[in-house]
Protein backbone atom coordinates (compact mmCIF):
# COMPACT_ATOMS: atom_id res chain seq x y z
CA MET A 1 196.84 -125.43 78.43
CA THR A 2 198.15 -124.07 75.25
CA PHE A 3 195.55 -123.26 72.56
CA GLY A 4 198.06 -122.22 69.84
CA ALA A 5 201.07 -120.64 68.34
CA ASP A 6 199.98 -116.89 68.50
CA ALA A 7 196.37 -115.20 69.05
CA GLY A 8 195.32 -115.98 65.51
CA ASP A 9 196.17 -119.64 65.56
CA ALA A 10 194.41 -119.89 69.01
CA THR A 11 191.34 -117.97 67.64
CA ASP A 12 191.16 -120.76 64.73
CA PHE A 13 191.49 -123.56 67.16
CA ILE A 14 188.71 -122.22 69.44
CA LEU A 15 186.44 -121.56 66.53
CA SER A 16 187.01 -124.79 64.89
CA ARG A 17 185.79 -126.96 67.85
CA GLY A 18 182.57 -128.58 67.88
CA PRO A 19 180.69 -126.78 70.75
CA THR A 20 181.70 -123.54 69.26
CA ARG A 21 181.16 -124.17 65.85
CA HIS A 22 177.67 -125.49 66.88
CA ASN A 23 176.29 -122.51 68.90
CA LEU A 24 177.74 -120.38 66.07
CA ARG A 25 176.15 -122.26 63.12
CA ASP A 26 173.19 -119.66 62.45
CA ALA A 27 175.43 -116.86 63.14
CA ALA A 28 175.80 -113.89 60.57
CA PRO A 29 179.15 -113.88 58.86
CA ALA A 30 179.79 -110.44 60.01
CA THR A 31 179.12 -111.42 63.55
CA ILE A 32 181.90 -114.31 63.28
CA THR A 33 184.13 -111.61 61.74
CA ARG A 34 183.52 -109.41 64.56
CA LEU A 35 183.84 -112.16 66.95
CA ARG A 36 187.11 -113.74 65.66
CA SER A 37 188.62 -110.19 65.84
CA GLU A 38 187.39 -109.42 69.07
CA MET A 39 188.68 -112.95 70.44
CA ARG A 40 192.10 -112.45 68.56
CA ASP A 41 192.56 -109.20 70.35
CA ALA A 42 191.52 -110.77 73.59
CA LEU A 43 193.83 -113.67 73.33
CA THR A 44 196.93 -111.54 72.97
CA GLU A 45 197.03 -111.10 76.57
CA PHE A 46 197.88 -114.83 76.95
CA GLU A 47 200.60 -114.98 74.46
CA THR A 48 204.11 -116.48 75.57
CA ALA A 49 207.18 -117.68 74.03
CA ASP A 50 205.43 -120.97 74.09
CA GLY A 51 202.20 -119.89 72.27
CA VAL A 52 199.02 -119.05 73.84
CA ARG A 53 198.76 -120.48 77.22
CA ILE A 54 195.37 -119.91 79.40
CA HIS A 55 195.82 -121.27 83.10
CA GLY A 56 192.92 -123.40 84.10
CA ALA A 57 191.99 -126.31 86.70
CA VAL A 58 189.90 -129.53 86.34
CA TRP A 59 188.30 -131.33 88.94
CA ILE A 60 187.88 -134.95 88.36
CA VAL A 61 185.16 -136.16 90.67
CA THR A 62 184.04 -139.92 91.34
CA ALA A 63 181.25 -140.86 93.55
CA LYS A 64 179.96 -144.23 94.58
CA GLY A 65 176.30 -144.79 95.58
CA THR A 66 175.73 -146.14 98.94
CA SER A 67 172.02 -147.36 97.68
CA ARG A 68 171.20 -150.96 96.87
CA ARG A 69 169.31 -150.04 93.86
CA SER A 70 170.88 -150.48 90.52
CA TRP A 71 171.57 -147.91 87.71
CA VAL A 72 168.70 -149.48 86.03
CA ALA A 73 166.26 -148.25 88.58
CA TRP A 74 167.62 -144.63 88.86
CA PRO A 75 165.49 -143.29 85.89
CA LYS A 76 162.20 -144.59 87.61
CA VAL A 77 163.45 -142.97 90.91
CA LEU A 78 163.99 -139.61 89.36
CA ARG A 79 160.73 -139.66 87.53
CA GLU A 80 158.92 -140.57 90.82
CA ARG A 81 160.82 -137.72 92.67
CA ALA A 82 160.11 -135.34 90.07
CA GLU A 83 156.33 -136.31 90.07
CA ALA A 84 156.19 -136.04 93.66
CA ARG A 85 157.58 -132.25 93.60
CA PRO A 86 156.60 -131.10 90.07
CA GLU A 87 157.56 -127.51 90.96
CA ARG A 88 161.21 -128.41 91.41
CA SER A 89 161.43 -130.17 88.43
CA LEU A 90 162.44 -128.74 85.04
CA PRO A 91 159.96 -129.14 82.11
CA ARG A 92 161.11 -131.85 79.25
CA THR A 93 161.47 -129.10 77.00
CA HIS A 94 164.15 -127.06 79.15
CA PRO A 95 167.25 -126.24 76.70
CA LEU A 96 170.60 -127.29 77.77
CA PRO A 97 172.66 -124.42 79.13
CA CYS A 98 174.80 -122.32 76.63
CA THR A 99 177.65 -120.62 77.59
CA MET A 100 178.47 -118.65 74.14
CA SER A 101 176.60 -116.18 72.46
CA ALA A 102 176.80 -115.16 68.77
CA GLU A 103 175.26 -111.71 69.27
């Protein structure tokens, strides 16, 4: 995947994306400046004549349930399973996983 023409362009692109902007919304300006510099330095490794290219792979997975239950019934089924085994359930206030850190 091509992220930009050079490391600086790729850094601007990555930092402008929604998830990144969201995770850095409360970061101090000095932290963002440091992060921008470190990211630009790291992305120079991936610079090519065609731009900043980072190799990756994506799995597209589809599934088809064998149960006769409709999708409308699934929230009830999941709730019943969670109530039956509370030690294996996440609390309702469990935060979503985050892969970025501003500090």
